[in-house]
Amino acid sequence: MENKDGGQWLRKAASEANKKKSDFRKKLILGWLAVIGVFSGVLFYAVQTNNRTVVMILVGVYIAFGLYVTGRINRNK
C-alpha cells in the first residue's frame, strides 16, 4: 500500500526548510544593515575630525562595498 501522507510530509519538510532559509536571509540583511550603520558612523566621525586621509579611504571602501552588494543582488535575479 502507498503512504497517502507522504506528500503532506514532503510539503511540510519543504516549508520548514524555506522558513529556515528565510530566517537566515533576515539575519543576513540585519547584519549588513548593522555593518553599514557602524561604517557610516565611522565615516561621519572622520568627516567631523577633518581627517581627509581616513575619509578618502572610507569613501572608497563604501563605494566598493555598495558595488559588491548591488552585484550580489543582481546576480540572484
PDB file of N, CA and C in Angstrom:
ATOM      1  N   MET A   1       0.826  -1.188   0.000  1.00  0.00           N
ATOM      2  CA  MET A   1       0.000   0.000   0.000  1.00  0.00           C
ATOM      3  C   MET A   1       0.871   1.252   0.000  1.00  0.00           C
ATOM      4  N   GLU A   2       0.359   2.274  -0.594  1.00  0.00           N
ATOM      5  CA  GLU A   2       1.071   3.549  -0.630  1.00  0.00           C
ATOM      6  C   GLU A   2       0.786   4.347   0.639  1.00  0.00           C
ATOM      7  N   ASN A   3       1.739   5.169   0.972  1.00  0.00           N
ATOM      8  CA  ASN A   3       1.556   6.063   2.109  1.00  0.00           C
ATOM      9  C   ASN A   3       0.904   7.345   1.598  1.00  0.00           C
ATOM     10  N   LYS A   4      -0.347   7.570   1.982  1.00  0.00           N
ATOM     11  CA  LYS A   4      -1.083   8.726   1.471  1.00  0.00           C
ATOM     12  C   LYS A   4      -0.602  10.034   2.091  1.00  0.00           C
ATOM     13  N   ASP A   5       0.043   9.957   3.248  1.00  0.00           N
ATOM     14  CA  ASP A   5       0.523  11.166   3.910  1.00  0.00           C
ATOM     15  C   ASP A   5       1.930  11.553   3.459  1.00  0.00           C
ATOM     16  N   GLY A   6       2.513  10.796   2.557  1.00  0.00           N
ATOM     17  CA  GLY A   6       3.872  11.086   2.099  1.00  0.00           C
ATOM     18  C   GLY A   6       3.994  12.450   1.458  1.00  0.00           C
ATOM     19  N   GLY A   7       3.011  12.852   0.673  1.00  0.00           N
ATOM     20  CA  GLY A   7       3.039  14.156   0.023  1.00  0.00           C
ATOM     21  C   GLY A   7       2.945  15.294   1.022  1.00  0.00           C
ATOM     22  N   GLN A   8       2.112  15.103   2.038  1.00  0.00           N
ATOM     23  CA  GLN A   8       1.982  16.139   3.066  1.00  0.00           C
ATOM     24  C   GLN A   8       3.271  16.275   3.860  1.00  0.00           C
ATOM     25  N   TRP A   9       3.891  15.153   4.176  1.00  0.00           N
ATOM     26  CA  TRP A   9       5.150  15.184   4.924  1.00  0.00           C
ATOM     27  C   TRP A   9       6.219  15.923   4.132  1.00  0.00           C
ATOM     28  N   LEU A  10       6.279  15.651   2.832  1.00  0.00           N
ATOM     29  CA  LEU A  10       7.272  16.300   1.978  1.00  0.00           C
ATOM     30  C   LEU A  10       7.016  17.799   1.883  1.00  0.00           C
ATOM     31  N   ARG A  11       5.755  18.185   1.740  1.00  0.00           N
ATOM     32  CA  ARG A  11       5.424  19.615   1.695  1.00  0.00           C
ATOM     33  C   ARG A  11       5.768  20.301   3.012  1.00  0.00           C
ATOM     34  N   LYS A  12       5.519  19.627   4.128  1.00  0.00           N
ATOM     35  CA  LYS A  12       5.833  20.200   5.439  1.00  0.00           C
ATOM     36  C   LYS A  12       7.345  20.366   5.593  1.00  0.00           C
ATOM     37  N   ALA A  13       8.114  19.378   5.173  1.00  0.00           N
ATOM     38  CA  ALA A  13       9.572  19.468   5.260  1.00  0.00           C
ATOM     39  C   ALA A  13      10.098  20.599   4.383  1.00  0.00           C
ATOM     40  N   ALA A  14       9.538  20.756   3.194  1.00  0.00           N
ATOM     41  CA  ALA A  14       9.957  21.839   2.299  1.00  0.00           C
ATOM     42  C   ALA A  14       9.600  23.193   2.892  1.00  0.00           C
ATOM     43  N   SER A  15       8.437  23.271   3.525  1.00  0.00           N
ATOM     44  CA  SER A  15       8.016  24.526   4.156  1.00  0.00           C
ATOM     45  C   SER A  15       8.956  24.906   5.293  1.00  0.00           C
ATOM     46  N   GLU A  16       9.366  23.928   6.102  1.00  0.00           N
ATOM     47  CA  GLU A  16      10.295  24.200   7.204  1.00  0.00           C
ATOM     48  C   GLU A  16      11.663  24.618   6.678  1.00  0.00           C
ATOM     49  N   ALA A  17      12.105  24.000   5.598  1.00  0.00           N
ATOM     50  CA  ALA A  17      13.395  24.368   5.006  1.00  0.00           C
ATOM     51  C   ALA A  17      13.349  25.798   4.475  1.00  0.00           C
ATOM     52  N   ASN A  18      12.241  26.170   3.848  1.00  0.00           N
ATOM     53  CA  ASN A  18      12.100  27.542   3.343  1.00  0.00           C
ATOM     54  C   ASN A  18      12.064  28.546   4.486  1.00  0.00           C
ATOM     55  N   LYS A  19      11.452  28.165   5.611  1.00  0.00           N
ATOM     56  CA  LYS A  19      11.395  29.064   6.764  1.00  0.00           C
ATOM     57  C   LYS A  19      12.799  29.294   7.319  1.00  0.00           C
ATOM     58  N   LYS A  20      13.595  28.226   7.427  1.00  0.00           N
ATOM     59  CA  LYS A  20      14.966  28.371   7.923  1.00  0.00           C
ATOM     60  C   LYS A  20      15.787  29.250   6.987  1.00  0.00           C
ATOM     61  N   LYS A  21      15.591  29.064   5.686  1.00  0.00           N
ATOM     62  CA  LYS A  21      16.303  29.875   4.702  1.00  0.00           C
ATOM     63  C   LYS A  21      15.884  31.334   4.816  1.00  0.00           C
ATOM     64  N   SER A  22      14.593  31.565   5.035  1.00  0.00           N
ATOM     65  CA  SER A  22      14.079  32.920   5.185  1.00  0.00           C
ATOM     66  C   SER A  22      14.632  33.569   6.450  1.00  0.00           C
ATOM     67  N   ASP A  23      14.706  32.811   7.556  1.00  0.00           N
ATOM     68  CA  ASP A  23      15.263  33.340   8.801  1.00  0.00           C
ATOM     69  C   ASP A  23      16.727  33.717   8.615  1.00  0.00           C
ATOM     70  N   PHE A  24      17.478  32.878   7.891  1.00  0.00           N
ATOM     71  CA  PHE A  24      18.883  33.177   7.635  1.00  0.00           C
ATOM     72  C   PHE A  24      19.024  34.456   6.821  1.00  0.00           C
ATOM     73  N   ARG A  25      18.173  34.610   5.817  1.00  0.00           N
ATOM     74  CA  ARG A  25      18.227  35.820   4.991  1.00  0.00           C
ATOM     75  C   ARG A  25      17.910  37.067   5.806  1.00  0.00           C
ATOM     76  N   LYS A  26      16.937  36.970   6.715  1.00  0.00           N
ATOM     77  CA  LYS A  26      16.603  38.112   7.571  1.00  0.00           C
ATOM     78  C   LYS A  26      17.789  38.484   8.450  1.00  0.00           C
ATOM     79  N   LYS A  27      18.446  37.474   9.032  1.00  0.00           N
ATOM     80  CA  LYS A  27      19.614  37.739   9.871  1.00  0.00           C
ATOM     81  C   LYS A  27      20.745  38.336   9.047  1.00  0.00           C
ATOM     82  N   LEU A  28      20.915  37.849   7.834  1.00  0.00           N
ATOM     83  CA  LEU A  28      21.960  38.373   6.961  1.00  0.00           C
ATOM     84  C   LEU A  28      21.693  39.833   6.612  1.00  0.00           C
ATOM     85  N   ILE A  29      20.457  40.155   6.297  1.00  0.00           N
ATOM     86  CA  ILE A  29      20.100  41.541   5.975  1.00  0.00           C
ATOM     87  C   ILE A  29      20.324  42.443   7.181  1.00  0.00           C
ATOM     88  N   LEU A  30      19.905  41.982   8.368  1.00  0.00           N
ATOM     89  CA  LEU A  30      20.121  42.784   9.574  1.00  0.00           C
ATOM     90  C   LEU A  30      21.611  42.957   9.860  1.00  0.00           C
ATOM     91  N   GLY A  31      22.393  41.927   9.588  1.00  0.00           N
ATOM     92  CA  GLY A  31      23.843  42.029   9.761  1.00  0.00           C
ATOM     93  C   GLY A  31      24.450  43.056   8.825  1.00  0.00           C
ATOM     94  N   TRP A  32      24.043  43.028   7.550  1.00  0.00           N
ATOM     95  CA  TRP A  32      24.543  44.015   6.582  1.00  0.00           C
ATOM     96  C   TRP A  32      24.148  45.420   7.002  1.00  0.00           C
ATOM     97  N   LEU A  33      22.918  45.582   7.476  1.00  0.00           N
ATOM     98  CA  LEU A  33      22.476  46.905   7.922  1.00  0.00           C
ATOM     99  C   LEU A  33      23.285  47.390   9.122  1.00  0.00           C
ATOM    100  N   ALA A  34      23.625  46.472  10.021  1.00  0.00           N
ATOM    101  CA  ALA A  34      24.450  46.848  11.173  1.00  0.00           C
ATOM    102  C   ALA A  34      25.841  47.280  10.724  1.00  0.00           C
ATOM    103  N   VAL A  35      26.422  46.540   9.775  1.00  0.00           N
ATOM    104  CA  VAL A  35      27.747  46.896   9.256  1.00  0.00           C
ATOM    105  C   VAL A  35      27.696  48.268   8.593  1.00  0.00           C
ATOM    106  N   ILE A  36      26.667  48.511   7.802  1.00  0.00           N
ATOM    107  CA  ILE A  36      26.529  49.807   7.128  1.00  0.00           C
ATOM    108  C   ILE A  36      26.381  50.927   8.156  1.00  0.00           C
ATOM    109  N   GLY A  37      25.604  50.689   9.210  1.00  0.00           N
ATOM    110  CA  GLY A  37      25.426  51.698  10.253  1.00  0.00           C
ATOM    111  C   GLY A  37      26.720  52.031  10.967  1.00  0.00           C
ATOM    112  N   VAL A  38      27.474  51.017  11.341  1.00  0.00           N
ATOM    113  CA  VAL A  38      28.759  51.248  12.020  1.00  0.00           C
ATOM    114  C   VAL A  38      29.721  51.967  11.085  1.00  0.00           C
ATOM    115  N   PHE A  39      29.771  51.515   9.847  1.00  0.00           N
ATOM    116  CA  PHE A  39      30.681  52.122   8.882  1.00  0.00           C
ATOM    117  C   PHE A  39      30.325  53.584   8.636  1.00  0.00           C
ATOM    118  N   SER A  40      29.036  53.875   8.542  1.00  0.00           N
ATOM    119  CA  SER A  40      28.601  55.265   8.347  1.00  0.00           C
ATOM    120  C   SER A  40      28.979  56.128   9.543  1.00  0.00           C
ATOM    121  N   GLY A  41      28.844  55.573  10.736  1.00  0.00           N
ATOM    122  CA  GLY A  41      29.239  56.307  11.935  1.00  0.00           C
ATOM    123  C   GLY A  41      30.716  56.648  11.938  1.00  0.00           C
ATOM    124  N   VAL A  42      31.548  55.694  11.549  1.00  0.00           N
ATOM    125  CA  VAL A  42      32.994  55.943  11.479  1.00  0.00           C
ATOM    126  C   VAL A  42      33.298  56.990  10.411  1.00  0.00           C
ATOM    127  N   LEU A  43      32.601  56.910   9.290  1.00  0.00           N
ATOM    128  CA  LEU A  43      32.816  57.885   8.218  1.00  0.00           C
ATOM    129  C   LEU A  43      32.442  59.294   8.677  1.00  0.00           C
ATOM    130  N   PHE A  44      31.299  59.440   9.321  1.00  0.00           N
ATOM    131  CA  PHE A  44      30.892  60.763   9.807  1.00  0.00           C
ATOM    132  C   PHE A  44      31.843  61.291  10.876  1.00  0.00           C
ATOM    133  N   TYR A  45      32.360  60.399  11.720  1.00  0.00           N
ATOM    134  CA  TYR A  45      33.330  60.826  12.731  1.00  0.00           C
ATOM    135  C   TYR A  45      34.602  61.345  12.058  1.00  0.00           C
ATOM    136  N   ALA A  46      35.048  60.639  11.017  1.00  0.00           N
ATOM    137  CA  ALA A  46      36.247  61.074  10.298  1.00  0.00           C
ATOM    138  C   ALA A  46      36.014  62.422   9.618  1.00  0.00           C
ATOM    139  N   VAL A  47      34.816  62.649   9.114  1.00  0.00           N
ATOM    140  CA  VAL A  47      34.497  63.943   8.494  1.00  0.00           C
ATOM    141  C   VAL A  47      34.520  65.050   9.544  1.00  0.00           C
ATOM    142  N   GLN A  48      33.951  64.779  10.711  1.00  0.00           N
ATOM    143  CA  GLN A  48      33.906  65.794  11.768  1.00  0.00           C
ATOM    144  C   GLN A  48      35.297  66.147  12.283  1.00  0.00           C
ATOM    145  N   THR A  49      36.176  65.154  12.358  1.00  0.00           N
ATOM    146  CA  THR A  49      37.527  65.427  12.857  1.00  0.00           C
ATOM    147  C   THR A  49      38.436  65.957  11.759  1.00  0.00           C
ATOM    148  N   ASN A  50      37.889  66.110  10.557  1.00  0.00           N
ATOM    149  CA  ASN A  50      38.620  66.674   9.419  1.00  0.00           C
ATOM    150  C   ASN A  50      39.852  65.840   9.055  1.00  0.00           C
ATOM    151  N   ASN A  51      39.689  64.521   9.084  1.00  0.00           N
ATOM    152  CA  ASN A  51      40.769  63.602   8.744  1.00  0.00           C
ATOM    153  C   ASN A  51      40.565  63.158   7.291  1.00  0.00           C
ATOM    154  N   ARG A  52      41.183  63.884   6.376  1.00  0.00           N
ATOM    155  CA  ARG A  52      40.929  63.661   4.941  1.00  0.00           C
ATOM    156  C   ARG A  52      41.389  62.292   4.459  1.00  0.00           C
ATOM    157  N   THR A  53      42.513  61.813   4.960  1.00  0.00           N
ATOM    158  CA  THR A  53      43.025  60.515   4.510  1.00  0.00           C
ATOM    159  C   THR A  53      42.047  59.399   4.857  1.00  0.00           C
ATOM    160  N   VAL A  54      41.578  59.390   6.087  1.00  0.00           N
ATOM    161  CA  VAL A  54      40.635  58.353   6.511  1.00  0.00           C
ATOM    162  C   VAL A  54      39.322  58.484   5.746  1.00  0.00           C
ATOM    163  N   VAL A  55      38.878  59.709   5.511  1.00  0.00           N
ATOM    164  CA  VAL A  55      37.636  59.924   4.763  1.00  0.00           C
ATOM    165  C   VAL A  55      37.772  59.372   3.350  1.00  0.00           C
ATOM    166  N   MET A  56      38.885  59.634   2.697  1.00  0.00           N
ATOM    167  CA  MET A  56      39.073  59.130   1.322  1.00  0.00           C
ATOM    168  C   MET A  56      39.096  57.605   1.295  1.00  0.00           C
ATOM    169  N   ILE A  57      39.765  57.004   2.252  1.00  0.00           N
ATOM    170  CA  ILE A  57      39.818  55.537   2.312  1.00  0.00           C
ATOM    171  C   ILE A  57      38.424  54.968   2.558  1.00  0.00           C
ATOM    172  N   LEU A  58      37.710  55.550   3.517  1.00  0.00           N
ATOM    173  CA  LEU A  58      36.378  55.043   3.848  1.00  0.00           C
ATOM    174  C   LEU A  58      35.388  55.238   2.706  1.00  0.00           C
ATOM    175  N   VAL A  59      35.479  56.344   2.004  1.00  0.00           N
ATOM    176  CA  VAL A  59      34.587  56.567   0.858  1.00  0.00           C
ATOM    177  C   VAL A  59      34.871  55.534  -0.234  1.00  0.00           C
ATOM    178  N   GLY A  60      36.136  55.254  -0.480  1.00  0.00           N
ATOM    179  CA  GLY A  60      36.486  54.233  -1.474  1.00  0.00           C
ATOM    180  C   GLY A  60      35.959  52.860  -1.091  1.00  0.00           C
ATOM    181  N   VAL A  61      36.120  52.507   0.175  1.00  0.00           N
ATOM    182  CA  VAL A  61      35.611  51.215   0.647  1.00  0.00           C
ATOM    183  C   VAL A  61      34.086  51.189   0.587  1.00  0.00           C
ATOM    184  N   TYR A  62      33.452  52.306   0.930  1.00  0.00           N
ATOM    185  CA  TYR A  62      31.992  52.403   0.906  1.00  0.00           C
ATOM    186  C   TYR A  62      31.464  52.191  -0.515  1.00  0.00           C
ATOM    187  N   ILE A  63      32.107  52.803  -1.494  1.00  0.00           N
ATOM    188  CA  ILE A  63      31.694  52.639  -2.896  1.00  0.00           C
ATOM    189  C   ILE A  63      31.899  51.193  -3.343  1.00  0.00           C
ATOM    190  N   ALA A  64      33.048  50.611  -3.001  1.00  0.00           N
ATOM    191  CA  ALA A  64      33.320  49.221  -3.373  1.00  0.00           C
ATOM    192  C   ALA A  64      32.304  48.279  -2.722  1.00  0.00           C
ATOM    193  N   PHE A  65      31.986  48.531  -1.471  1.00  0.00           N
ATOM    194  CA  PHE A  65      31.004  47.720  -0.755  1.00  0.00           C
ATOM    195  C   PHE A  65      29.632  47.824  -1.422  1.00  0.00           C
ATOM    196  N   GLY A  66      29.234  49.033  -1.795  1.00  0.00           N
ATOM    197  CA  GLY A  66      27.952  49.223  -2.468  1.00  0.00           C
ATOM    198  C   GLY A  66      27.891  48.508  -3.805  1.00  0.00           C
ATOM    199  N   LEU A  67      28.975  48.570  -4.559  1.00  0.00           N
ATOM    200  CA  LEU A  67      29.019  47.859  -5.842  1.00  0.00           C
ATOM    201  C   LEU A  67      28.967  46.348  -5.641  1.00  0.00           C
ATOM    202  N   TYR A  68      29.643  45.868  -4.609  1.00  0.00           N
ATOM    203  CA  TYR A  68      29.635  44.434  -4.315  1.00  0.00           C
ATOM    204  C   TYR A  68      28.219  43.960  -3.967  1.00  0.00           C
ATOM    205  N   VAL A  69      27.559  44.680  -3.073  1.00  0.00           N
ATOM    206  CA  VAL A  69      26.210  44.288  -2.655  1.00  0.00           C
ATOM    207  C   VAL A  69      25.238  44.378  -3.824  1.00  0.00           C
ATOM    208  N   THR A  70      25.348  45.425  -4.624  1.00  0.00           N
ATOM    209  CA  THR A  70      24.486  45.565  -5.798  1.00  0.00           C
ATOM    210  C   THR A  70      24.708  44.407  -6.771  1.00  0.00           C
ATOM    211  N   GLY A  71      25.957  44.032  -6.967  1.00  0.00           N
ATOM    212  CA  GLY A  71      26.263  42.894  -7.832  1.00  0.00           C
ATOM    213  C   GLY A  71      25.679  41.602  -7.304  1.00  0.00           C
ATOM    214  N   ARG A  72      25.723  41.411  -5.981  1.00  0.00           N
ATOM    215  CA  ARG A  72      25.155  40.202  -5.382  1.00  0.00           C
ATOM    216  C   ARG A  72      23.639  40.171  -5.558  1.00  0.00           C
ATOM    217  N   ILE A  73      23.001  41.308  -5.397  1.00  0.00           N
ATOM    218  CA  ILE A  73      21.547  41.364  -5.545  1.00  0.00           C
ATOM    219  C   ILE A  73      21.158  41.071  -6.989  1.00  0.00           C
ATOM    220  N   ASN A  74      21.848  41.673  -7.935  1.00  0.00           N
ATOM    221  CA  ASN A  74      21.515  41.482  -9.349  1.00  0.00           C
ATOM    222  C   ASN A  74      21.866  40.089  -9.837  1.00  0.00           C
ATOM    223  N   ARG A  75      22.850  39.448  -9.233  1.00  0.00           N
ATOM    224  CA  ARG A  75      23.234  38.105  -9.648  1.00  0.00           C
ATOM    225  C   ARG A  75      22.145  37.098  -9.308  1.00  0.00           C
ATOM    226  N   ASN A  76      21.442  37.321  -8.219  1.00  0.00           N
ATOM    227  CA  ASN A  76      20.403  36.386  -7.789  1.00  0.00           C
ATOM    228  C   ASN A  76      19.126  36.506  -8.604  1.00  0.00           C
ATOM    229  N   LYS A  77      18.967  37.570  -9.370  1.00  0.00           N
ATOM    230  CA  LYS A  77      17.723  37.753 -10.128  1.00  0.00           C
ATOM    231  C   LYS A  77      17.816  37.187 -11.498  1.00  0.00           C
TER     232      LYS A  77
END
